[in-house]
Amino acid sequence: MDEDVYRTPKSELNDQLEKKGSAVKAILVATIVNITTTVFVGIVISVVYGVLLASNGDSLEVITSKLSNMELTSKVSLLTLIPASLITTYAGYLCAKLVNHSEYKVVAIFATILIIFGLAMGLSYYSVSENIFLSLLTLCCVYLGAWLYVSKKKRLLQS
């Protein structure tokens, strides 16, 4: 027996890190997580904002009008961008983590899907410049999430 029984056992972290996932599964899961969570947060923020407007004495017609005609530069819209950006960053991280190989290439496909979905939903609501801004924000958040995962993976491999 060559082992020293008084030493702590060593684990192989590389075995866990090298498992490659399906690109299709990673993109599908990250897309579902991003879209459903963003819609849910948007609904919650809209309800809270509607309750605040109602508590100020606004009628249902005024509340509906304010919610449907909200500009991107309004305080509520800008406040909504914060959790939406965090969700998209997490979805980019999740996509990279699930695929665990060629992360940036797979995340590019994921970002393209999100941007197309965002444009389809926002073309009639936002101006061209606002759609470009939101698309670039989505791209930056997705790649930030992927970068966070890839840098974490590199740190684990180096230790």
N, C-alpha and C. Protein backbone atom coordinates (compact mmCIF):
# COMPACT_ATOMS: atom_id res chain seq x y z
N MET A 1 0.83 -1.18 0.00
CA MET A 1 0.00 0.00 0.00
C MET A 1 0.87 1.24 0.00
N ASP A 2 0.78 2.05 -1.07
CA ASP A 2 1.61 3.23 -1.19
C ASP A 2 0.95 4.48 -0.64
N GLU A 3 -0.34 4.43 -0.35
CA GLU A 3 -1.05 5.62 0.10
C GLU A 3 -0.74 5.94 1.54
N ASP A 4 -0.70 7.24 1.81
CA ASP A 4 -0.56 7.71 3.18
C ASP A 4 -1.97 7.87 3.73
N VAL A 5 -2.36 7.08 4.70
CA VAL A 5 -3.73 7.07 5.21
C VAL A 5 -4.07 8.34 5.98
N TYR A 6 -3.08 9.12 6.33
CA TYR A 6 -3.33 10.34 7.10
C TYR A 6 -3.50 11.58 6.22
N ARG A 7 -3.34 11.44 4.93
CA ARG A 7 -3.53 12.55 3.99
C ARG A 7 -4.98 12.59 3.54
N THR A 8 -5.45 13.79 3.23
CA THR A 8 -6.82 13.91 2.72
C THR A 8 -6.85 13.41 1.28
N PRO A 9 -7.95 12.79 0.89
CA PRO A 9 -8.02 12.28 -0.49
C PRO A 9 -8.09 13.43 -1.49
N LYS A 10 -7.53 13.20 -2.66
CA LYS A 10 -7.55 14.20 -3.72
C LYS A 10 -8.70 13.88 -4.66
N SER A 11 -9.31 14.93 -5.16
CA SER A 11 -10.39 14.72 -6.13
C SER A 11 -9.95 15.25 -7.48
N GLU A 12 -10.50 14.68 -8.52
CA GLU A 12 -10.19 15.10 -9.87
C GLU A 12 -11.25 16.08 -10.35
N LEU A 13 -10.94 17.37 -10.30
CA LEU A 13 -11.88 18.39 -10.77
C LEU A 13 -11.97 18.41 -12.28
N ASN A 14 -10.92 18.01 -12.96
CA ASN A 14 -10.91 18.05 -14.42
C ASN A 14 -11.96 17.12 -15.02
N ASP A 15 -12.24 16.00 -14.35
CA ASP A 15 -13.26 15.09 -14.86
C ASP A 15 -14.63 15.75 -14.90
N GLN A 16 -14.94 16.54 -13.88
CA GLN A 16 -16.24 17.21 -13.84
C GLN A 16 -16.30 18.36 -14.84
N LEU A 17 -15.21 19.04 -15.07
CA LEU A 17 -15.20 20.21 -15.94
C LEU A 17 -15.20 19.85 -17.42
N GLU A 18 -14.74 18.66 -17.76
CA GLU A 18 -14.57 18.31 -19.16
C GLU A 18 -15.82 17.72 -19.80
N LYS A 19 -16.88 17.49 -19.06
CA LYS A 19 -18.09 16.93 -19.64
C LYS A 19 -18.74 17.95 -20.55
N LYS A 20 -18.86 17.57 -21.80
CA LYS A 20 -19.45 18.46 -22.79
C LYS A 20 -20.95 18.22 -22.86
N GLY A 21 -21.68 19.33 -22.97
CA GLY A 21 -23.13 19.23 -23.06
C GLY A 21 -23.61 19.46 -24.48
N SER A 22 -24.87 19.25 -24.67
CA SER A 22 -25.50 19.45 -25.97
C SER A 22 -25.74 20.93 -26.21
N ALA A 23 -25.32 21.41 -27.36
CA ALA A 23 -25.51 22.82 -27.70
C ALA A 23 -27.00 23.16 -27.84
N VAL A 24 -27.75 22.25 -28.44
CA VAL A 24 -29.19 22.48 -28.63
C VAL A 24 -29.89 22.57 -27.28
N LYS A 25 -29.55 21.67 -26.37
CA LYS A 25 -30.16 21.67 -25.05
C LYS A 25 -29.78 22.94 -24.29
N ALA A 26 -28.52 23.34 -24.36
CA ALA A 26 -28.06 24.54 -23.66
C ALA A 26 -28.80 25.78 -24.16
N ILE A 27 -28.93 25.89 -25.48
CA ILE A 27 -29.62 27.05 -26.07
C ILE A 27 -31.10 27.03 -25.71
N LEU A 28 -31.72 25.87 -25.80
CA LEU A 28 -33.14 25.76 -25.49
C LEU A 28 -33.44 26.09 -24.03
N VAL A 29 -32.67 25.52 -23.11
CA VAL A 29 -32.89 25.76 -21.69
C VAL A 29 -32.64 27.23 -21.35
N ALA A 30 -31.55 27.79 -21.84
CA ALA A 30 -31.23 29.19 -21.55
C ALA A 30 -32.28 30.13 -22.14
N THR A 31 -32.79 29.83 -23.33
CA THR A 31 -33.83 30.66 -23.94
C THR A 31 -35.11 30.61 -23.13
N ILE A 32 -35.52 29.42 -22.73
CA ILE A 32 -36.74 29.28 -21.93
C ILE A 32 -36.59 30.00 -20.59
N VAL A 33 -35.44 29.82 -19.93
CA VAL A 33 -35.20 30.48 -18.65
C VAL A 33 -35.23 31.99 -18.82
N ASN A 34 -34.57 32.49 -19.85
CA ASN A 34 -34.49 33.94 -20.05
C ASN A 34 -35.87 34.54 -20.35
N ILE A 35 -36.57 33.96 -21.29
CA ILE A 35 -37.85 34.55 -21.72
C ILE A 35 -38.90 34.44 -20.62
N THR A 36 -39.04 33.27 -20.00
CA THR A 36 -40.07 33.12 -18.98
C THR A 36 -39.78 33.98 -17.75
N THR A 37 -38.54 34.04 -17.33
CA THR A 37 -38.19 34.83 -16.16
C THR A 37 -38.35 36.32 -16.44
N THR A 38 -37.94 36.76 -17.61
CA THR A 38 -38.08 38.18 -17.96
C THR A 38 -39.55 38.57 -18.05
N VAL A 39 -40.38 37.72 -18.65
CA VAL A 39 -41.81 38.02 -18.73
C VAL A 39 -42.42 38.06 -17.33
N PHE A 40 -42.05 37.11 -16.48
CA PHE A 40 -42.57 37.08 -15.11
C PHE A 40 -42.19 38.35 -14.35
N VAL A 41 -40.92 38.74 -14.41
CA VAL A 41 -40.47 39.95 -13.73
C VAL A 41 -41.18 41.18 -14.29
N GLY A 42 -41.37 41.22 -15.61
CA GLY A 42 -42.09 42.33 -16.23
C GLY A 42 -43.52 42.43 -15.74
N ILE A 43 -44.17 41.28 -15.59
CA ILE A 43 -45.55 41.26 -15.08
C ILE A 43 -45.58 41.76 -13.64
N VAL A 44 -44.65 41.28 -12.83
CA VAL A 44 -44.61 41.70 -11.42
C VAL A 44 -44.39 43.20 -11.32
N ILE A 45 -43.45 43.73 -12.09
CA ILE A 45 -43.18 45.17 -12.05
C ILE A 45 -44.39 45.96 -12.54
N SER A 46 -45.06 45.47 -13.57
CA SER A 46 -46.26 46.14 -14.08
C SER A 46 -47.38 46.15 -13.05
N VAL A 47 -47.56 45.04 -12.35
CA VAL A 47 -48.60 44.97 -11.32
C VAL A 47 -48.27 45.93 -10.17
N VAL A 48 -47.02 45.93 -9.73
CA VAL A 48 -46.63 46.83 -8.65
C VAL A 48 -46.82 48.29 -9.08
N TYR A 49 -46.40 48.62 -10.29
CA TYR A 49 -46.56 49.98 -10.80
C TYR A 49 -48.05 50.33 -10.92
N GLY A 50 -48.86 49.38 -11.39
CA GLY A 50 -50.30 49.61 -11.49
C GLY A 50 -50.94 49.85 -10.13
N VAL A 51 -50.50 49.09 -9.12
CA VAL A 51 -51.01 49.28 -7.76
C VAL A 51 -50.61 50.65 -7.23
N LEU A 52 -49.37 51.06 -7.50
CA LEU A 52 -48.93 52.39 -7.07
C LEU A 52 -49.75 53.49 -7.74
N LEU A 53 -50.02 53.32 -9.02
CA LEU A 53 -50.85 54.32 -9.73
C LEU A 53 -52.27 54.32 -9.18
N ALA A 54 -52.80 53.14 -8.88
CA ALA A 54 -54.16 53.06 -8.34
C ALA A 54 -54.23 53.68 -6.95
N SER A 55 -53.18 53.51 -6.17
CA SER A 55 -53.18 54.10 -4.83
C SER A 55 -53.11 55.62 -4.88
N ASN A 56 -52.63 56.16 -5.99
CA ASN A 56 -52.61 57.61 -6.19
C ASN A 56 -53.94 58.13 -6.73
N GLY A 57 -54.88 57.22 -6.95
CA GLY A 57 -56.21 57.63 -7.39
C GLY A 57 -56.42 57.59 -8.89
N ASP A 58 -55.48 57.03 -9.65
CA ASP A 58 -55.65 56.95 -11.11
C ASP A 58 -56.72 55.91 -11.45
N SER A 59 -57.47 56.19 -12.49
CA SER A 59 -58.50 55.25 -12.93
C SER A 59 -57.87 54.11 -13.73
N LEU A 60 -58.66 53.09 -13.99
CA LEU A 60 -58.18 51.92 -14.74
C LEU A 60 -57.73 52.32 -16.14
N GLU A 61 -58.46 53.25 -16.77
CA GLU A 61 -58.10 53.70 -18.11
C GLU A 61 -56.76 54.43 -18.12
N VAL A 62 -56.53 55.26 -17.10
CA VAL A 62 -55.26 56.00 -17.01
C VAL A 62 -54.11 55.03 -16.75
N ILE A 63 -54.32 54.07 -15.87
CA ILE A 63 -53.28 53.08 -15.56
C ILE A 63 -52.94 52.27 -16.82
N THR A 64 -53.97 51.83 -17.53
CA THR A 64 -53.74 51.06 -18.76
C THR A 64 -53.00 51.90 -19.79
N SER A 65 -53.37 53.15 -19.90
CA SER A 65 -52.71 54.05 -20.85
C SER A 65 -51.24 54.27 -20.49
N LYS A 66 -50.97 54.49 -19.20
CA LYS A 66 -49.59 54.71 -18.77
C LYS A 66 -48.73 53.46 -18.97
N LEU A 67 -49.31 52.29 -18.70
CA LEU A 67 -48.55 51.05 -18.86
C LEU A 67 -48.28 50.72 -20.33
N SER A 68 -49.24 51.02 -21.20
CA SER A 68 -49.07 50.66 -22.62
C SER A 68 -48.30 51.71 -23.40
N ASN A 69 -48.19 52.92 -22.89
CA ASN A 69 -47.48 53.99 -23.61
C ASN A 69 -46.22 54.43 -22.88
N MET A 70 -45.59 53.52 -22.16
CA MET A 70 -44.40 53.84 -21.39
C MET A 70 -43.18 53.97 -22.32
N GLU A 71 -42.44 55.04 -22.16
CA GLU A 71 -41.23 55.24 -22.96
C GLU A 71 -40.06 54.49 -22.35
N LEU A 72 -39.10 54.14 -23.17
CA LEU A 72 -37.93 53.41 -22.71
C LEU A 72 -37.12 54.22 -21.71
N THR A 73 -37.18 55.54 -21.81
CA THR A 73 -36.39 56.40 -20.93
C THR A 73 -37.12 56.76 -19.64
N SER A 74 -38.32 56.22 -19.42
CA SER A 74 -39.03 56.50 -18.17
C SER A 74 -38.35 55.77 -17.02
N LYS A 75 -38.61 56.25 -15.82
CA LYS A 75 -37.98 55.65 -14.63
C LYS A 75 -38.34 54.18 -14.47
N VAL A 76 -39.60 53.85 -14.72
CA VAL A 76 -40.04 52.45 -14.57
C VAL A 76 -39.36 51.56 -15.60
N SER A 77 -39.26 52.02 -16.84
CA SER A 77 -38.60 51.22 -17.88
C SER A 77 -37.12 51.03 -17.57
N LEU A 78 -36.47 52.09 -17.14
CA LEU A 78 -35.05 51.98 -16.80
C LEU A 78 -34.85 51.08 -15.59
N LEU A 79 -35.77 51.14 -14.63
CA LEU A 79 -35.71 50.24 -13.48
C LEU A 79 -35.92 48.80 -13.89
N THR A 80 -36.76 48.58 -14.88
CA THR A 80 -37.04 47.23 -15.38
C THR A 80 -35.84 46.65 -16.12
N LEU A 81 -35.02 47.52 -16.72
CA LEU A 81 -33.84 47.04 -17.45
C LEU A 81 -32.82 46.38 -16.53
N ILE A 82 -32.79 46.77 -15.27
CA ILE A 82 -31.80 46.20 -14.34
C ILE A 82 -32.04 44.70 -14.12
N PRO A 83 -33.23 44.29 -13.64
CA PRO A 83 -33.41 42.84 -13.49
C PRO A 83 -33.39 42.09 -14.81
N ALA A 84 -33.88 42.72 -15.88
CA ALA A 84 -33.86 42.06 -17.19
C ALA A 84 -32.42 41.81 -17.63
N SER A 85 -31.54 42.76 -17.39
CA SER A 85 -30.12 42.59 -17.75
C SER A 85 -29.47 41.50 -16.91
N LEU A 86 -29.81 41.46 -15.63
CA LEU A 86 -29.25 40.42 -14.75
C LEU A 86 -29.74 39.03 -15.17
N ILE A 87 -31.01 38.95 -15.55
CA ILE A 87 -31.56 37.66 -16.00
C ILE A 87 -30.86 37.21 -17.28
N THR A 88 -30.65 38.13 -18.22
CA THR A 88 -30.00 37.79 -19.48
C THR A 88 -28.54 37.41 -19.26
N THR A 89 -27.88 38.09 -18.33
CA THR A 89 -26.50 37.72 -17.99
C THR A 89 -26.45 36.31 -17.40
N TYR A 90 -27.39 36.01 -16.51
CA TYR A 90 -27.45 34.66 -15.95
C TYR A 90 -27.75 33.62 -17.03
N ALA A 91 -28.64 33.95 -17.95
CA ALA A 91 -28.98 33.01 -19.02
C ALA A 91 -27.75 32.75 -19.91
N GLY A 92 -26.95 33.75 -20.17
CA GLY A 92 -25.70 33.56 -20.92
C GLY A 92 -24.74 32.66 -20.16
N TYR A 93 -24.64 32.88 -18.86
CA TYR A 93 -23.81 32.03 -18.01
C TYR A 93 -24.31 30.59 -18.04
N LEU A 94 -25.63 30.43 -17.90
CA LEU A 94 -26.23 29.10 -17.89
C LEU A 94 -26.01 28.38 -19.21
N CYS A 95 -26.16 29.09 -20.31
CA CYS A 95 -25.94 28.49 -21.63
C CYS A 95 -24.50 28.00 -21.77
N ALA A 96 -23.55 28.84 -21.37
CA ALA A 96 -22.13 28.45 -21.45
C ALA A 96 -21.83 27.28 -20.53
N LYS A 97 -22.43 27.28 -19.35
CA LYS A 97 -22.20 26.20 -18.39
C LYS A 97 -22.77 24.87 -18.88
N LEU A 98 -23.96 24.93 -19.46
CA LEU A 98 -24.58 23.69 -19.93
C LEU A 98 -23.86 23.09 -21.12
N VAL A 99 -23.33 23.94 -22.02
CA VAL A 99 -22.66 23.41 -23.20
C VAL A 99 -21.23 22.99 -22.87
N ASN A 100 -20.53 23.80 -22.08
CA ASN A 100 -19.19 23.51 -21.56
C ASN A 100 -18.14 23.21 -22.63
N HIS A 101 -18.34 23.69 -23.82
CA HIS A 101 -17.34 23.65 -24.89
C HIS A 101 -17.79 24.64 -25.95
N SER A 102 -16.89 25.24 -26.63
CA SER A 102 -17.21 26.24 -27.66
C SER A 102 -18.25 27.24 -27.13
N GLU A 103 -18.02 27.69 -25.91
CA GLU A 103 -19.01 28.51 -25.21
C GLU A 103 -19.41 29.75 -25.99
N TYR A 104 -18.44 30.48 -26.51
CA TYR A 104 -18.76 31.75 -27.18
C TYR A 104 -19.52 31.52 -28.48
N LYS A 105 -19.24 30.44 -29.17
CA LYS A 105 -19.96 30.14 -30.42
C LYS A 105 -21.42 29.79 -30.13
N VAL A 106 -21.63 28.96 -29.14
CA VAL A 106 -22.99 28.56 -28.78
C VAL A 106 -23.76 29.75 -28.21
N VAL A 107 -23.09 30.55 -27.40
CA VAL A 107 -23.74 31.73 -26.82
C VAL A 107 -24.09 32.74 -27.92
N ALA A 108 -23.31 32.80 -28.98
CA ALA A 108 -23.65 33.68 -30.11
C ALA A 108 -24.98 33.27 -30.74
N ILE A 109 -25.20 31.98 -30.87
CA ILE A 109 -26.47 31.49 -31.41
C ILE A 109 -27.61 31.84 -30.45
N PHE A 110 -27.36 31.63 -29.17
CA PHE A 110 -28.35 31.98 -28.15
C PHE A 110 -28.68 33.47 -28.19
N ALA A 111 -27.67 34.31 -28.28
CA ALA A 111 -27.89 35.76 -28.34
C ALA A 111 -28.68 36.14 -29.58
N THR A 112 -28.40 35.50 -30.70
CA THR A 112 -29.13 35.78 -31.94
C THR A 112 -30.61 35.45 -31.77
N ILE A 113 -30.90 34.34 -31.13
CA ILE A 113 -32.30 33.96 -30.89
C ILE A 113 -32.98 34.99 -30.01
N LEU A 114 -32.30 35.41 -28.94
CA LEU A 114 -32.89 36.41 -28.05
C LEU A 114 -33.11 37.75 -28.76
N ILE A 115 -32.17 38.15 -29.58
CA ILE A 115 -32.29 39.42 -30.29
C ILE A 115 -33.45 39.35 -31.29
N ILE A 116 -33.56 38.26 -32.01
CA ILE A 116 -34.67 38.10 -32.96
C ILE A 116 -36.01 38.12 -32.22
N PHE A 117 -36.07 37.42 -31.08
CA PHE A 117 -37.30 37.41 -30.28
C PHE A 117 -37.61 38.82 -29.77
N GLY A 118 -36.60 39.52 -29.29
CA GLY A 118 -36.79 40.88 -28.80
C GLY A 118 -37.25 41.83 -29.89
N LEU A 119 -36.67 41.70 -31.08
CA LEU A 119 -37.09 42.54 -32.20
C LEU A 119 -38.52 42.22 -32.62
N ALA A 120 -38.86 40.94 -32.63
CA ALA A 120 -40.23 40.56 -33.01
C ALA A 120 -41.24 41.12 -32.02
N MET A 121 -40.88 41.14 -30.75
CA MET A 121 -41.79 41.64 -29.74
C MET A 121 -41.79 43.17 -29.66
N GLY A 122 -40.68 43.80 -30.00
CA GLY A 122 -40.57 45.24 -29.79
C GLY A 122 -40.63 46.11 -31.01
N LEU A 123 -40.70 45.52 -32.21
CA LEU A 123 -40.69 46.35 -33.43
C LEU A 123 -41.86 47.33 -33.49
N SER A 124 -43.01 46.92 -33.05
CA SER A 124 -44.16 47.81 -33.12
C SER A 124 -44.23 48.73 -31.91
N TYR A 125 -43.43 48.45 -30.89
CA TYR A 125 -43.51 49.22 -29.65
C TYR A 125 -42.37 50.23 -29.51
N TYR A 126 -41.16 49.85 -29.93
CA TYR A 126 -39.99 50.71 -29.78
C TYR A 126 -39.54 51.25 -31.13
N SER A 127 -38.81 52.36 -31.08
CA SER A 127 -38.24 52.92 -32.31
C SER A 127 -37.05 52.07 -32.75
N VAL A 128 -36.53 52.36 -33.93
CA VAL A 128 -35.38 51.61 -34.45
C VAL A 128 -34.17 51.79 -33.54
N SER A 129 -33.91 53.01 -33.11
CA SER A 129 -32.76 53.25 -32.24
C SER A 129 -32.92 52.55 -30.89
N GLU A 130 -34.14 52.52 -30.36
CA GLU A 130 -34.37 51.82 -29.10
C GLU A 130 -34.20 50.31 -29.27
N ASN A 131 -34.65 49.77 -30.39
CA ASN A 131 -34.46 48.35 -30.66
C ASN A 131 -32.99 48.01 -30.81
N ILE A 132 -32.22 48.87 -31.45
CA ILE A 132 -30.78 48.64 -31.59
C ILE A 132 -30.12 48.68 -30.21
N PHE A 133 -30.50 49.65 -29.38
CA PHE A 133 -29.95 49.74 -28.03
C PHE A 133 -30.26 48.47 -27.23
N LEU A 134 -31.51 48.03 -27.26
CA LEU A 134 -31.91 46.83 -26.51
C LEU A 134 -31.21 45.58 -27.04
N SER A 135 -31.01 45.51 -28.35
CA SER A 135 -30.31 44.37 -28.95
C SER A 135 -28.85 44.35 -28.51
N LEU A 136 -28.20 45.51 -28.50
CA LEU A 136 -26.81 45.59 -28.05
C LEU A 136 -26.69 45.28 -26.57
N LEU A 137 -27.65 45.74 -25.78
CA LEU A 137 -27.66 45.43 -24.35
C LEU A 137 -27.80 43.92 -24.13
N THR A 138 -28.68 43.29 -24.89
CA THR A 138 -28.85 41.84 -24.81
C THR A 138 -27.55 41.13 -25.16
N LEU A 139 -26.92 41.55 -26.24
CA LEU A 139 -25.66 40.94 -26.68
C LEU A 139 -24.58 41.08 -25.61
N CYS A 140 -24.46 42.26 -25.04
CA CYS A 140 -23.45 42.49 -24.00
C CYS A 140 -23.72 41.63 -22.76
N CYS A 141 -24.97 41.55 -22.34
CA CYS A 141 -25.32 40.77 -21.15
C CYS A 141 -25.06 39.28 -21.37
N VAL A 142 -25.44 38.77 -22.53
CA VAL A 142 -25.23 37.35 -22.83
C VAL A 142 -23.74 37.02 -22.84
N TYR A 143 -22.95 37.86 -23.49
CA TYR A 143 -21.51 37.60 -23.54
C TYR A 143 -20.84 37.81 -22.19
N LEU A 144 -21.37 38.73 -21.37
CA LEU A 144 -20.84 38.89 -20.02
C LEU A 144 -21.06 37.61 -19.22
N GLY A 145 -22.25 37.03 -19.33
CA GLY A 145 -22.53 35.77 -18.65
C GLY A 145 -21.61 34.65 -19.11
N ALA A 146 -21.40 34.56 -20.42
CA ALA A 146 -20.50 33.52 -20.96
C ALA A 146 -19.08 33.76 -20.48
N TRP A 147 -18.65 35.01 -20.49
CA TRP A 147 -17.29 35.34 -20.03
C TRP A 147 -17.12 34.98 -18.56
N LEU A 148 -18.14 35.24 -17.74
CA LEU A 148 -18.06 34.89 -16.32
C LEU A 148 -17.87 33.38 -16.14
N TYR A 149 -18.58 32.59 -16.92
CA TYR A 149 -18.42 31.14 -16.81
C TYR A 149 -17.05 30.68 -17.31
N VAL A 150 -16.64 31.17 -18.46
CA VAL A 150 -15.36 30.75 -19.04
C VAL A 150 -14.20 31.14 -18.12
N SER A 151 -14.25 32.34 -17.54
CA SER A 151 -13.17 32.76 -16.64
C SER A 151 -13.16 31.92 -15.36
N LYS A 152 -14.34 31.57 -14.86
CA LYS A 152 -14.42 30.70 -13.68
C LYS A 152 -13.85 29.32 -14.00
N LYS A 153 -14.20 28.81 -15.19
CA LYS A 153 -13.70 27.50 -15.62
C LYS A 153 -12.18 27.51 -15.73
N LYS A 154 -11.61 28.60 -16.28
CA LYS A 154 -10.14 28.69 -16.41
C LYS A 154 -9.48 28.75 -15.04
N ARG A 155 -10.08 29.47 -14.10
CA ARG A 155 -9.51 29.56 -12.75
C ARG A 155 -9.51 28.17 -12.09
N LEU A 156 -10.58 27.41 -12.28
CA LEU A 156 -10.66 26.08 -11.67
C LEU A 156 -9.64 25.13 -12.30
N LEU A 157 -9.41 25.27 -13.58
CA LEU A 157 -8.44 24.41 -14.26
C LEU A 157 -7.01 24.74 -13.84
N GLN A 158 -6.76 26.01 -13.52
CA GLN A 158 -5.41 26.40 -13.14
C GLN A 158 -5.07 26.02 -11.71
N SER A 159 -6.08 25.86 -10.88
CA SER A 159 -5.79 25.53 -9.47
C SER A 159 -5.64 24.05 -9.23
